[in-house]
Amino acid sequence: MTTKILGIETSCDETAAGVVEDGHNLLSNVISSQTDLHAATGGVVPEVASRQHIHDLVPVLEQAAADSGYGLEDMDAIAVTYGPGLAGSLITGLNAAKAISYSLGIPLIGVNHLEGHIYASWLAHSDLADDPGFPLACLVASGGHTDLLLMEGHGRYKLVGRSRDDAAGEAFDKAARILGLGFPGGPEIQRVSQGATGEERLPRAWMKDTLDFSFSGLKTALLHMAQDRGVYPSPQEGTDAARLVREMAAAFQESVVDVISSKLISMASDYKVKGLVLGGGVTANSRLREEIVRRSPLPVVIPPPVLCTDNGAMIAACGYFQFKRGEETALDIDVDPGLPLG
C-alpha cells in the first residue's frame, strides 16, 4: 500500500504545494511565484509576500490535489515548512496545514525547509530509495543559506560549513543590483555571463582552515570594479558597457562557483562520504552544477532546476521519511524563522 503526502511550502515568496507517493514518486508540484511582484523593489518585501500567500494558497492547494489525481481526503499526512524563513510567510502555510490536518484527522508533519531541499534529490533520483549509502555531503545554497551538511542518515545531520555573512543567493542579488540587472540576481547573472571571455577576475575568499564561506568581500570588490569601469552607479550606454557588465557578471559567478565547489569537494574528502547531494535555488546555476560534477570523483545527485528552487514536493518527500519514523507534529507548533539544521 502506498503512502501519499501533501507538502506545503511558504517560507519566502513562492506559494507551493505538491503530492508525493512513497517519498520519491512525484504526483504533483504546483508553484505560484511572486518574482514579478517583488522585482520592482529588487528584493522580497515580507509583508507583501505574506499577503500574496494568503491570496494564492487555496488555488495552489486545489490544483496540487487535482493534478495528483487524488483529493485532500486521500492523503495519509500533510507536511509543511515551519522554518527557517520569513515569519509572516511561514505562518500562512503552517496555519493552512493545521486546518487541513485537524479537519481531516490526518497527521501533521513539521518540516525544516533546508532538509526539504536535500530531499528534492529523492524526487529526481528514485534509485536513491531508502538508503543511498551514507554518509553524504550535502550543499544547501539559497538566498538565505549556504551550508555544508554531513548527512549521516535519514534525519541525522552535522553542520560543517556555513556562510559567515551573505548567503550565495543574497550575494547574487546584490551583485545584480550593482550591475543594473534584474531580480532575482542568480538567473540574471547566469544569463548575462553567457559568452564572456574571462578577461576580468575577482578575488576568492578562501578562509583557510575552515569550510565556512564569506561573500561580502566579493560583493565589495565587484562594487569597486563597477565604479572603476564606470558601470556603477549610472551604467554607460553602448556595446562596451554591455561587454563590461557581461565580463564582471561572469567574474563574480566564477568566484562563487570556484569557492563553493572547492569547499564541497574538500568536505567530501575530509569526511569520506559516499556521494554528494545538492539543493537550493543557487544549485540551479548551470556553471556550479557543471563544475561540481567535473571536480568530484564521487557520484553527484542534483535535482532539475524546478526542484532546486522552493517547492511543496520537496517538503512532501522529506515529510514522508519523518512519517515513516513516526514523527507526528503537535497542532500547537509555531513557526521558527531561524530554525537550524544540524
C-alpha atoms as a PDB file:
ATOM      1  CA  MET A   1       0.000   0.000   0.000  1.00  0.00           C
ATOM      2  CA  THR A   2       1.374   3.394  -0.966  1.00  0.00           C
ATOM      3  CA  THR A   3       1.749   6.427   1.279  1.00  0.00           C
ATOM      4  CA  LYS A   4       0.682   9.812  -0.109  1.00  0.00           C
ATOM      5  CA  ILE A   5       1.966  13.017   1.495  1.00  0.00           C
ATOM      6  CA  LEU A   6       0.772  16.549   0.719  1.00  0.00           C
ATOM      7  CA  GLY A   7       3.532  19.140   1.154  1.00  0.00           C
ATOM      8  CA  ILE A   8       3.099  22.896   1.635  1.00  0.00           C
ATOM      9  CA  GLU A   9       5.934  25.416   1.253  1.00  0.00           C
ATOM     10  CA  THR A  10       5.580  29.154   2.010  1.00  0.00           C
ATOM     11  CA  SER A  11       8.912  30.081   3.588  1.00  0.00           C
ATOM     12  CA  CYS A  12       9.633  33.085   1.366  1.00  0.00           C
ATOM     13  CA  ASP A  13       7.978  34.215  -1.872  1.00  0.00           C
ATOM     14  CA  GLU A  14       6.775  31.009  -3.534  1.00  0.00           C
ATOM     15  CA  THR A  15       3.369  29.623  -2.647  1.00  0.00           C
ATOM     16  CA  ALA A  16       3.798  25.927  -3.350  1.00  0.00           C
ATOM     17  CA  ALA A  17       2.138  22.588  -2.778  1.00  0.00           C
ATOM     18  CA  GLY A  18       2.846  19.103  -4.052  1.00  0.00           C
ATOM     19  CA  VAL A  19       1.853  15.484  -3.576  1.00  0.00           C
ATOM     20  CA  VAL A  20       4.460  12.732  -3.305  1.00  0.00           C
ATOM     21  CA  GLU A  21       3.974   8.988  -3.054  1.00  0.00           C
ATOM     22  CA  ASP A  22       6.371   6.838  -1.002  1.00  0.00           C
ATOM     23  CA  GLY A  23       8.939   9.617  -0.734  1.00  0.00           C
ATOM     24  CA  HIS A  24      10.082   9.636  -4.351  1.00  0.00           C
ATOM     25  CA  ASN A  25       7.136   9.336  -6.748  1.00  0.00           C
ATOM     26  CA  LEU A  26       6.171  12.886  -7.748  1.00  0.00           C
ATOM     27  CA  LEU A  27       2.422  13.120  -8.382  1.00  0.00           C
ATOM     28  CA  SER A  28       2.041  16.913  -8.493  1.00  0.00           C
ATOM     29  CA  ASN A  29       4.057  20.072  -7.916  1.00  0.00           C
ATOM     30  CA  VAL A  30       2.339  23.464  -8.175  1.00  0.00           C
ATOM     31  CA  ILE A  31       4.257  26.710  -7.617  1.00  0.00           C
ATOM     32  CA  SER A  32       2.915  30.258  -7.670  1.00  0.00           C
ATOM     33  CA  SER A  33       5.923  32.586  -7.864  1.00  0.00           C
ATOM     34  CA  GLN A  34       5.978  36.181  -6.647  1.00  0.00           C
ATOM     35  CA  THR A  35       9.073  37.136  -8.657  1.00  0.00           C
ATOM     36  CA  ASP A  36       7.289  39.760 -10.761  1.00  0.00           C
ATOM     37  CA  LEU A  37       5.641  41.220  -7.658  1.00  0.00           C
ATOM     38  CA  HIS A  38       8.971  41.854  -5.914  1.00  0.00           C
ATOM     39  CA  ALA A  39      11.008  42.801  -8.999  1.00  0.00           C
ATOM     40  CA  ALA A  40      10.160  46.500  -8.609  1.00  0.00           C
ATOM     41  CA  THR A  41      11.848  46.617  -5.180  1.00  0.00           C
ATOM     42  CA  GLY A  42      14.758  44.359  -6.145  1.00  0.00           C
ATOM     43  CA  GLY A  43      14.055  42.006  -3.265  1.00  0.00           C
ATOM     44  CA  VAL A  44      11.331  40.322  -1.241  1.00  0.00           C
ATOM     45  CA  VAL A  45       9.164  42.602   0.917  1.00  0.00           C
ATOM     46  CA  PRO A  46       7.991  40.333   3.783  1.00  0.00           C
ATOM     47  CA  GLU A  47       4.567  41.921   4.325  1.00  0.00           C
ATOM     48  CA  VAL A  48       3.789  41.860   0.606  1.00  0.00           C
ATOM     49  CA  ALA A  49       4.894  38.227   0.405  1.00  0.00           C
ATOM     50  CA  SER A  50       2.683  37.062   3.280  1.00  0.00           C
ATOM     51  CA  ARG A  51      -0.383  38.832   1.857  1.00  0.00           C
ATOM     52  CA  GLN A  52       0.176  37.211  -1.532  1.00  0.00           C
ATOM     53  CA  HIS A  53       0.478  33.771   0.082  1.00  0.00           C
ATOM     54  CA  ILE A  54      -2.985  34.247   1.584  1.00  0.00           C
ATOM     55  CA  HIS A  55      -4.325  35.111  -1.866  1.00  0.00           C
ATOM     56  CA  ASP A  56      -2.658  32.193  -3.671  1.00  0.00           C
ATOM     57  CA  LEU A  57      -2.653  29.313  -1.194  1.00  0.00           C
ATOM     58  CA  VAL A  58      -6.140  27.841  -1.667  1.00  0.00           C
ATOM     59  CA  PRO A  59      -5.954  27.766  -5.502  1.00  0.00           C
ATOM     60  CA  VAL A  60      -2.460  26.225  -5.310  1.00  0.00           C
ATOM     61  CA  LEU A  61      -3.651  23.519  -2.902  1.00  0.00           C
ATOM     62  CA  GLU A  62      -6.680  22.730  -5.052  1.00  0.00           C
ATOM     63  CA  GLN A  63      -4.519  22.458  -8.173  1.00  0.00           C
ATOM     64  CA  ALA A  64      -1.935  20.243  -6.462  1.00  0.00           C
ATOM     65  CA  ALA A  65      -4.655  17.830  -5.333  1.00  0.00           C
ATOM     66  CA  ALA A  66      -6.314  17.822  -8.759  1.00  0.00           C
ATOM     67  CA  ASP A  67      -3.025  17.237 -10.595  1.00  0.00           C
ATOM     68  CA  SER A  68      -2.205  14.287  -8.332  1.00  0.00           C
ATOM     69  CA  GLY A  69      -5.467  12.536  -9.199  1.00  0.00           C
ATOM     70  CA  TYR A  70      -6.471  12.404  -5.542  1.00  0.00           C
ATOM     71  CA  GLY A  71      -8.442  14.518  -3.104  1.00  0.00           C
ATOM     72  CA  LEU A  72      -7.164  16.008   0.136  1.00  0.00           C
ATOM     73  CA  GLU A  73      -9.107  13.317   1.980  1.00  0.00           C
ATOM     74  CA  ASP A  74      -6.906  10.685   0.314  1.00  0.00           C
ATOM     75  CA  MET A  75      -3.687  11.992   1.881  1.00  0.00           C
ATOM     76  CA  ASP A  76      -2.021   9.965   4.628  1.00  0.00           C
ATOM     77  CA  ALA A  77      -0.359  13.039   6.159  1.00  0.00           C
ATOM     78  CA  ILE A  78       0.320  16.701   5.499  1.00  0.00           C
ATOM     79  CA  ALA A  79       3.858  18.080   5.658  1.00  0.00           C
ATOM     80  CA  VAL A  80       4.569  21.792   5.957  1.00  0.00           C
ATOM     81  CA  THR A  81       7.567  24.086   6.289  1.00  0.00           C
ATOM     82  CA  TYR A  82       7.699  25.737   9.724  1.00  0.00           C
ATOM     83  CA  GLY A  83      11.185  27.252   9.430  1.00  0.00           C
ATOM     84  CA  PRO A  84      13.544  28.752   8.612  1.00  0.00           C
ATOM     85  CA  GLY A  85      12.124  31.623   6.584  1.00  0.00           C
ATOM     86  CA  LEU A  86      10.063  34.793   6.837  1.00  0.00           C
ATOM     87  CA  ALA A  87       7.732  34.616   9.835  1.00  0.00           C
ATOM     88  CA  GLY A  88       4.688  36.068   8.078  1.00  0.00           C
ATOM     89  CA  SER A  89       5.108  33.766   5.087  1.00  0.00           C
ATOM     90  CA  LEU A  90       5.640  30.675   7.240  1.00  0.00           C
ATOM     91  CA  ILE A  91       2.506  31.400   9.281  1.00  0.00           C
ATOM     92  CA  THR A  92       0.234  31.269   6.226  1.00  0.00           C
ATOM     93  CA  GLY A  93       1.344  27.785   5.182  1.00  0.00           C
ATOM     94  CA  LEU A  94       1.527  26.376   8.700  1.00  0.00           C
ATOM     95  CA  ASN A  95      -1.958  27.573   9.631  1.00  0.00           C
ATOM     96  CA  ALA A  96      -3.420  26.113   6.432  1.00  0.00           C
ATOM     97  CA  ALA A  97      -1.724  22.782   7.137  1.00  0.00           C
ATOM     98  CA  LYS A  98      -3.028  22.744  10.708  1.00  0.00           C
ATOM     99  CA  ALA A  99      -6.571  23.358   9.470  1.00  0.00           C
ATOM    100  CA  ILE A 100      -6.358  20.523   6.937  1.00  0.00           C
ATOM    101  CA  SER A 101      -4.798  18.165   9.476  1.00  0.00           C
ATOM    102  CA  TYR A 102      -7.442  18.894  12.107  1.00  0.00           C
ATOM    103  CA  SER A 103     -10.445  18.827   9.787  1.00  0.00           C
ATOM    104  CA  LEU A 104      -9.437  15.581   8.037  1.00  0.00           C
ATOM    105  CA  GLY A 105      -7.927  13.871  11.067  1.00  0.00           C
ATOM    106  CA  ILE A 106      -4.586  13.175   9.370  1.00  0.00           C
ATOM    107  CA  PRO A 107      -1.114  13.648  10.895  1.00  0.00           C
ATOM    108  CA  LEU A 108       0.698  16.989  10.687  1.00  0.00           C
ATOM    109  CA  ILE A 109       4.445  16.857   9.993  1.00  0.00           C
ATOM    110  CA  GLY A 110       6.561  19.982  10.521  1.00  0.00           C
ATOM    111  CA  VAL A 111       9.495  20.071   8.089  1.00  0.00           C
ATOM    112  CA  ASN A 112      12.751  22.035   8.163  1.00  0.00           C
ATOM    113  CA  HIS A 113      12.959  23.962   4.885  1.00  0.00           C
ATOM    114  CA  LEU A 114      16.678  23.194   4.493  1.00  0.00           C
ATOM    115  CA  GLU A 115      16.111  19.477   4.925  1.00  0.00           C
ATOM    116  CA  GLY A 116      13.384  19.714   2.297  1.00  0.00           C
ATOM    117  CA  HIS A 117      15.942  20.998  -0.210  1.00  0.00           C
ATOM    118  CA  ILE A 118      18.071  17.918   0.431  1.00  0.00           C
ATOM    119  CA  TYR A 119      15.140  15.567  -0.175  1.00  0.00           C
ATOM    120  CA  ALA A 120      14.400  17.143  -3.557  1.00  0.00           C
ATOM    121  CA  SER A 121      17.083  14.739  -4.785  1.00  0.00           C
ATOM    122  CA  TRP A 122      14.930  11.756  -3.782  1.00  0.00           C
ATOM    123  CA  LEU A 123      12.315  13.017  -6.261  1.00  0.00           C
ATOM    124  CA  ALA A 124      14.821  13.376  -9.060  1.00  0.00           C
ATOM    125  CA  HIS A 125      16.577  10.054  -8.450  1.00  0.00           C
ATOM    126  CA  SER A 126      14.211   7.326  -7.303  1.00  0.00           C
ATOM    127  CA  ASP A 127      17.122   4.879  -7.257  1.00  0.00           C
ATOM    128  CA  LEU A 128      18.223   6.544  -4.020  1.00  0.00           C
ATOM    129  CA  ALA A 129      15.369   4.592  -2.389  1.00  0.00           C
ATOM    130  CA  ASP A 130      15.522   4.381   1.389  1.00  0.00           C
ATOM    131  CA  ASP A 131      19.289   4.028   1.726  1.00  0.00           C
ATOM    132  CA  PRO A 132      21.509   5.632  -0.935  1.00  0.00           C
ATOM    133  CA  GLY A 133      24.605   4.891   1.141  1.00  0.00           C
ATOM    134  CA  PHE A 134      25.619   7.212   3.957  1.00  0.00           C
ATOM    135  CA  PRO A 135      27.293   9.485   4.826  1.00  0.00           C
ATOM    136  CA  LEU A 136      26.546  12.081   2.150  1.00  0.00           C
ATOM    137  CA  ALA A 137      27.977  15.562   1.645  1.00  0.00           C
ATOM    138  CA  CYS A 138      25.082  17.994   1.206  1.00  0.00           C
ATOM    139  CA  LEU A 139      25.255  21.527  -0.151  1.00  0.00           C
ATOM    140  CA  VAL A 140      22.212  23.711   0.518  1.00  0.00           C
ATOM    141  CA  ALA A 141      22.712  27.052  -1.248  1.00  0.00           C
ATOM    142  CA  SER A 142      19.912  29.594  -1.472  1.00  0.00           C
ATOM    143  CA  GLY A 143      19.053  33.222  -0.835  1.00  0.00           C
ATOM    144  CA  GLY A 144      19.245  32.757   2.910  1.00  0.00           C
ATOM    145  CA  HIS A 145      21.738  29.922   3.418  1.00  0.00           C
ATOM    146  CA  THR A 146      24.993  28.483   2.122  1.00  0.00           C
ATOM    147  CA  ASP A 147      25.501  25.392   4.266  1.00  0.00           C
ATOM    148  CA  LEU A 148      27.617  22.266   4.039  1.00  0.00           C
ATOM    149  CA  LEU A 149      25.940  19.415   5.914  1.00  0.00           C
ATOM    150  CA  LEU A 150      27.113  15.900   6.625  1.00  0.00           C
ATOM    151  CA  MET A 151      24.072  13.633   6.270  1.00  0.00           C
ATOM    152  CA  GLU A 152      24.807  10.584   8.395  1.00  0.00           C
ATOM    153  CA  GLY A 153      21.395   9.000   7.847  1.00  0.00           C
ATOM    154  CA  HIS A 154      17.764   9.987   7.417  1.00  0.00           C
ATOM    155  CA  GLY A 155      17.120  12.883   9.787  1.00  0.00           C
ATOM    156  CA  ARG A 156      20.731  12.955  11.047  1.00  0.00           C
ATOM    157  CA  TYR A 157      22.890  15.954  10.117  1.00  0.00           C
ATOM    158  CA  LYS A 158      26.047  17.725  11.173  1.00  0.00           C
ATOM    159  CA  LEU A 159      26.672  21.319  10.054  1.00  0.00           C
ATOM    160  CA  VAL A 160      30.310  21.531   8.942  1.00  0.00           C
ATOM    161  CA  GLY A 161      30.362  24.765   6.943  1.00  0.00           C
ATOM    162  CA  ARG A 162      28.234  27.885   6.541  1.00  0.00           C
ATOM    163  CA  SER A 163      28.352  31.456   5.274  1.00  0.00           C
ATOM    164  CA  ARG A 164      29.528  33.910   7.908  1.00  0.00           C
ATOM    165  CA  ASP A 165      27.831  36.846   6.187  1.00  0.00           C
ATOM    166  CA  ASP A 166      25.870  36.952   2.922  1.00  0.00           C
ATOM    167  CA  ALA A 167      24.461  33.702   1.600  1.00  0.00           C
ATOM    168  CA  ALA A 168      25.373  32.959  -2.016  1.00  0.00           C
ATOM    169  CA  GLY A 169      21.882  33.743  -3.308  1.00  0.00           C
ATOM    170  CA  GLU A 170      21.803  37.047  -1.431  1.00  0.00           C
ATOM    171  CA  ALA A 171      25.230  37.891  -2.854  1.00  0.00           C
ATOM    172  CA  PHE A 172      23.982  37.177  -6.386  1.00  0.00           C
ATOM    173  CA  ASP A 173      21.008  39.516  -5.809  1.00  0.00           C
ATOM    174  CA  LYS A 174      23.282  42.320  -4.573  1.00  0.00           C
ATOM    175  CA  ALA A 175      25.733  41.793  -7.414  1.00  0.00           C
ATOM    176  CA  ALA A 176      22.908  42.023  -9.939  1.00  0.00           C
ATOM    177  CA  ARG A 177      21.776  45.334  -8.455  1.00  0.00           C
ATOM    178  CA  ILE A 178      25.316  46.701  -8.711  1.00  0.00           C
ATOM    179  CA  LEU A 179      25.420  45.729 -12.385  1.00  0.00           C
ATOM    180  CA  GLY A 180      21.975  47.140 -13.139  1.00  0.00           C
ATOM    181  CA  LEU A 181      20.417  43.723 -13.719  1.00  0.00           C
ATOM    182  CA  GLY A 182      17.037  42.354 -12.688  1.00  0.00           C
ATOM    183  CA  PHE A 183      15.718  40.286  -9.793  1.00  0.00           C
ATOM    184  CA  PRO A 184      16.340  37.532  -8.817  1.00  0.00           C
ATOM    185  CA  GLY A 185      20.035  38.058  -9.354  1.00  0.00           C
ATOM    186  CA  GLY A 186      21.259  34.485  -9.832  1.00  0.00           C
ATOM    187  CA  PRO A 187      19.415  33.739 -13.079  1.00  0.00           C
ATOM    188  CA  GLU A 188      20.212  37.234 -14.376  1.00  0.00           C
ATOM    189  CA  ILE A 189      23.941  36.899 -13.757  1.00  0.00           C
ATOM    190  CA  GLN A 190      23.976  33.436 -15.338  1.00  0.00           C
ATOM    191  CA  ARG A 191      22.139  34.783 -18.409  1.00  0.00           C
ATOM    192  CA  VAL A 192      24.356  37.838 -18.858  1.00  0.00           C
ATOM    193  CA  SER A 193      27.560  35.824 -18.333  1.00  0.00           C
ATOM    194  CA  GLN A 194      26.971  33.768 -21.459  1.00  0.00           C
ATOM    195  CA  GLY A 195      29.740  34.435 -23.996  1.00  0.00           C
ATOM    196  CA  ALA A 196      32.122  36.129 -21.544  1.00  0.00           C
ATOM    197  CA  THR A 197      35.807  35.851 -22.397  1.00  0.00           C
ATOM    198  CA  GLY A 198      37.045  35.769 -18.804  1.00  0.00           C
ATOM    199  CA  GLU A 199      39.112  38.944 -19.137  1.00  0.00           C
ATOM    200  CA  GLU A 200      38.007  40.142 -15.682  1.00  0.00           C
ATOM    201  CA  ARG A 201      38.796  38.354 -12.424  1.00  0.00           C
ATOM    202  CA  LEU A 202      37.581  38.888  -8.874  1.00  0.00           C
ATOM    203  CA  PRO A 203      39.168  37.597  -5.622  1.00  0.00           C
ATOM    204  CA  ARG A 204      38.205  34.420  -3.756  1.00  0.00           C
ATOM    205  CA  ALA A 205      37.578  34.418  -0.015  1.00  0.00           C
ATOM    206  CA  TRP A 206      39.118  31.055   0.816  1.00  0.00           C
ATOM    207  CA  MET A 207      39.051  31.454   4.625  1.00  0.00           C
ATOM    208  CA  LYS A 208      41.795  28.918   5.182  1.00  0.00           C
ATOM    209  CA  ASP A 209      41.426  26.042   7.665  1.00  0.00           C
ATOM    210  CA  THR A 210      37.644  26.191   7.633  1.00  0.00           C
ATOM    211  CA  LEU A 211      34.788  25.014   5.423  1.00  0.00           C
ATOM    212  CA  ASP A 212      32.912  28.274   6.064  1.00  0.00           C
ATOM    213  CA  PHE A 213      32.136  30.826   3.362  1.00  0.00           C
ATOM    214  CA  SER A 214      32.223  34.614   3.077  1.00  0.00           C
ATOM    215  CA  PHE A 215      30.788  36.536   0.120  1.00  0.00           C
ATOM    216  CA  SER A 216      30.536  40.098   1.451  1.00  0.00           C
ATOM    217  CA  GLY A 217      34.116  40.949   0.444  1.00  0.00           C
ATOM    218  CA  LEU A 218      33.491  39.635  -3.066  1.00  0.00           C
ATOM    219  CA  LYS A 219      30.431  41.876  -3.344  1.00  0.00           C
ATOM    220  CA  THR A 220      32.530  44.883  -2.270  1.00  0.00           C
ATOM    221  CA  ALA A 221      35.244  44.002  -4.782  1.00  0.00           C
ATOM    222  CA  LEU A 222      32.621  43.896  -7.537  1.00  0.00           C
ATOM    223  CA  LEU A 223      31.267  47.279  -6.450  1.00  0.00           C
ATOM    224  CA  HIS A 224      34.747  48.833  -6.656  1.00  0.00           C
ATOM    225  CA  MET A 225      35.337  47.250 -10.066  1.00  0.00           C
ATOM    226  CA  ALA A 226      31.995  48.546 -11.337  1.00  0.00           C
ATOM    227  CA  GLN A 227      32.815  52.042 -10.087  1.00  0.00           C
ATOM    228  CA  ASP A 228      36.270  51.932 -11.694  1.00  0.00           C
ATOM    229  CA  ARG A 229      34.802  50.791 -15.032  1.00  0.00           C
ATOM    230  CA  GLY A 230      32.068  53.446 -14.992  1.00  0.00           C
ATOM    231  CA  VAL A 231      29.247  50.899 -14.699  1.00  0.00           C
ATOM    232  CA  TYR A 232      28.041  51.968 -11.232  1.00  0.00           C
ATOM    233  CA  PRO A 233      26.046  53.932 -10.146  1.00  0.00           C
ATOM    234  CA  SER A 234      24.960  55.016 -13.639  1.00  0.00           C
ATOM    235  CA  PRO A 235      25.661  52.413 -16.358  1.00  0.00           C
ATOM    236  CA  GLN A 236      27.087  53.770 -19.590  1.00  0.00           C
ATOM    237  CA  GLU A 237      25.288  53.340 -22.877  1.00  0.00           C
ATOM    238  CA  GLY A 238      26.557  51.285 -25.782  1.00  0.00           C
ATOM    239  CA  THR A 239      28.162  47.982 -26.673  1.00  0.00           C
ATOM    240  CA  ASP A 240      31.223  48.458 -24.470  1.00  0.00           C
ATOM    241  CA  ALA A 241      29.062  48.924 -21.381  1.00  0.00           C
ATOM    242  CA  ALA A 242      27.224  45.692 -22.149  1.00  0.00           C
ATOM    243  CA  ARG A 243      30.558  43.914 -22.585  1.00  0.00           C
ATOM    244  CA  LEU A 244      31.834  45.218 -19.256  1.00  0.00           C
ATOM    245  CA  VAL A 245      28.695  44.065 -17.446  1.00  0.00           C
ATOM    246  CA  ARG A 246      28.972  40.638 -19.080  1.00  0.00           C
ATOM    247  CA  GLU A 247      32.615  40.217 -18.051  1.00  0.00           C
ATOM    248  CA  MET A 248      32.036  41.422 -14.485  1.00  0.00           C
ATOM    249  CA  ALA A 249      28.986  39.209 -14.070  1.00  0.00           C
ATOM    250  CA  ALA A 250      30.994  36.226 -15.271  1.00  0.00           C
ATOM    251  CA  ALA A 251      33.878  37.095 -12.940  1.00  0.00           C
ATOM    252  CA  PHE A 252      31.509  37.259  -9.984  1.00  0.00           C
ATOM    253  CA  GLN A 253      29.871  33.968 -10.910  1.00  0.00           C
ATOM    254  CA  GLU A 254      33.219  32.211 -11.357  1.00  0.00           C
ATOM    255  CA  SER A 255      34.426  33.368  -7.949  1.00  0.00           C
ATOM    256  CA  VAL A 256      31.305  31.999  -6.210  1.00  0.00           C
ATOM    257  CA  VAL A 257      31.428  28.750  -8.179  1.00  0.00           C
ATOM    258  CA  ASP A 258      35.134  28.221  -7.525  1.00  0.00           C
ATOM    259  CA  VAL A 259      34.856  28.637  -3.754  1.00  0.00           C
ATOM    260  CA  ILE A 260      31.668  26.616  -3.276  1.00  0.00           C
ATOM    261  CA  SER A 261      32.766  23.709  -5.460  1.00  0.00           C
ATOM    262  CA  SER A 262      36.245  23.608  -3.902  1.00  0.00           C
ATOM    263  CA  LYS A 263      34.934  23.534  -0.344  1.00  0.00           C
ATOM    264  CA  LEU A 264      32.280  20.928  -1.128  1.00  0.00           C
ATOM    265  CA  ILE A 265      34.869  18.619  -2.709  1.00  0.00           C
ATOM    266  CA  SER A 266      37.207  19.169   0.256  1.00  0.00           C
ATOM    267  CA  MET A 267      34.412  18.316   2.670  1.00  0.00           C
ATOM    268  CA  ALA A 268      33.605  15.145   0.757  1.00  0.00           C
ATOM    269  CA  SER A 269      37.233  14.055   1.036  1.00  0.00           C
ATOM    270  CA  ASP A 270      37.633  15.030   4.697  1.00  0.00           C
ATOM    271  CA  TYR A 271      34.533  13.117   5.803  1.00  0.00           C
ATOM    272  CA  LYS A 272      34.953  10.156   3.416  1.00  0.00           C
ATOM    273  CA  VAL A 273      31.410  10.398   2.094  1.00  0.00           C
ATOM    274  CA  LYS A 274      29.831   8.116  -0.497  1.00  0.00           C
ATOM    275  CA  GLY A 275      28.237  10.816  -2.629  1.00  0.00           C
ATOM    276  CA  LEU A 276      27.273  14.474  -2.966  1.00  0.00           C
ATOM    277  CA  VAL A 277      23.747  15.934  -2.848  1.00  0.00           C
ATOM    278  CA  LEU A 278      22.900  19.478  -3.935  1.00  0.00           C
ATOM    279  CA  GLY A 279      19.801  21.561  -3.168  1.00  0.00           C
ATOM    280  CA  GLY A 280      18.550  25.142  -3.006  1.00  0.00           C
ATOM    281  CA  GLY A 281      17.964  27.810  -5.629  1.00  0.00           C
ATOM    282  CA  VAL A 282      21.642  28.605  -6.196  1.00  0.00           C
ATOM    283  CA  THR A 283      22.282  24.981  -7.213  1.00  0.00           C
ATOM    284  CA  ALA A 284      20.118  25.627 -10.278  1.00  0.00           C
ATOM    285  CA  ASN A 285      23.107  27.610 -11.601  1.00  0.00           C
ATOM    286  CA  SER A 286      24.461  25.698 -14.581  1.00  0.00           C
ATOM    287  CA  ARG A 287      28.117  26.689 -14.018  1.00  0.00           C
ATOM    288  CA  LEU A 288      28.008  25.497 -10.409  1.00  0.00           C
ATOM    289  CA  ARG A 289      26.418  22.205 -11.399  1.00  0.00           C
ATOM    290  CA  GLU A 290      28.937  21.606 -14.187  1.00  0.00           C
ATOM    291  CA  GLU A 291      31.948  22.477 -12.035  1.00  0.00           C
ATOM    292  CA  ILE A 292      30.976  20.268  -9.101  1.00  0.00           C
ATOM    293  CA  VAL A 293      30.365  17.308 -11.400  1.00  0.00           C
ATOM    294  CA  ARG A 294      33.679  17.966 -13.171  1.00  0.00           C
ATOM    295  CA  ARG A 295      35.675  18.102  -9.948  1.00  0.00           C
ATOM    296  CA  SER A 296      34.000  15.324  -7.974  1.00  0.00           C
ATOM    297  CA  PRO A 297      35.385  11.774  -8.055  1.00  0.00           C
ATOM    298  CA  LEU A 298      32.137  10.646  -6.373  1.00  0.00           C
ATOM    299  CA  PRO A 299      28.530  10.442  -7.636  1.00  0.00           C
ATOM    300  CA  VAL A 300      26.767  13.821  -7.603  1.00  0.00           C
ATOM    301  CA  VAL A 301      22.978  13.986  -7.248  1.00  0.00           C
ATOM    302  CA  ILE A 302      21.405  17.253  -8.421  1.00  0.00           C
ATOM    303  CA  PRO A 303      17.668  17.826  -8.855  1.00  0.00           C
ATOM    304  CA  PRO A 304      16.423  19.566 -12.002  1.00  0.00           C
ATOM    305  CA  PRO A 305      16.247  23.377 -11.574  1.00  0.00           C
ATOM    306  CA  VAL A 306      12.491  23.396 -10.873  1.00  0.00           C
ATOM    307  CA  LEU A 307      13.118  21.193  -7.817  1.00  0.00           C
ATOM    308  CA  CYS A 308      16.119  23.250  -6.666  1.00  0.00           C
ATOM    309  CA  THR A 309      14.006  26.329  -6.038  1.00  0.00           C
ATOM    310  CA  ASP A 310      11.348  26.347  -3.306  1.00  0.00           C
ATOM    311  CA  ASN A 311       8.551  23.834  -3.901  1.00  0.00           C
ATOM    312  CA  GLY A 312       5.997  21.796  -1.991  1.00  0.00           C
ATOM    313  CA  ALA A 313       7.019  18.428  -3.414  1.00  0.00           C
ATOM    314  CA  MET A 314      10.390  18.502  -1.655  1.00  0.00           C
ATOM    315  CA  ILE A 315       8.592  19.169   1.651  1.00  0.00           C
ATOM    316  CA  ALA A 316       6.298  16.198   0.982  1.00  0.00           C
ATOM    317  CA  ALA A 317       9.276  13.952   0.171  1.00  0.00           C
ATOM    318  CA  CYS A 318      11.041  14.938   3.370  1.00  0.00           C
ATOM    319  CA  GLY A 319       7.811  14.572   5.329  1.00  0.00           C
ATOM    320  CA  TYR A 320       7.421  11.002   4.108  1.00  0.00           C
ATOM    321  CA  PHE A 321      10.627   9.877   5.831  1.00  0.00           C
ATOM    322  CA  GLN A 322       9.606  11.654   9.047  1.00  0.00           C
ATOM    323  CA  PHE A 323       6.186   9.991   8.793  1.00  0.00           C
ATOM    324  CA  LYS A 324       7.872   6.583   8.454  1.00  0.00           C
ATOM    325  CA  ARG A 325       9.795   7.298  11.664  1.00  0.00           C
ATOM    326  CA  GLY A 326       6.559   8.156  13.464  1.00  0.00           C
ATOM    327  CA  GLU A 327       7.437  11.834  13.860  1.00  0.00           C
ATOM    328  CA  GLU A 328       3.975  13.386  14.024  1.00  0.00           C
ATOM    329  CA  THR A 329       3.905  17.093  14.988  1.00  0.00           C
ATOM    330  CA  ALA A 330       1.550  18.583  17.584  1.00  0.00           C
ATOM    331  CA  LEU A 331      -1.022  21.096  16.355  1.00  0.00           C
ATOM    332  CA  ASP A 332       0.317  23.781  18.695  1.00  0.00           C
ATOM    333  CA  ILE A 333       3.618  24.000  16.781  1.00  0.00           C
ATOM    334  CA  ASP A 334       4.708  27.558  15.979  1.00  0.00           C
ATOM    335  CA  VAL A 335       6.883  28.908  13.182  1.00  0.00           C
ATOM    336  CA  ASP A 336      10.630  29.124  13.768  1.00  0.00           C
ATOM    337  CA  PRO A 337      12.181  31.699  11.365  1.00  0.00           C
ATOM    338  CA  GLY A 338      15.724  30.842  12.490  1.00  0.00           C
ATOM    339  CA  LEU A 339      15.341  27.064  12.620  1.00  0.00           C
ATOM    340  CA  PRO A 340      18.772  25.406  12.224  1.00  0.00           C
ATOM    341  CA  LEU A 341      19.631  22.074  10.649  1.00  0.00           C
ATOM    342  CA  GLY A 342      22.458  20.052  12.112  1.00  0.00           C
END
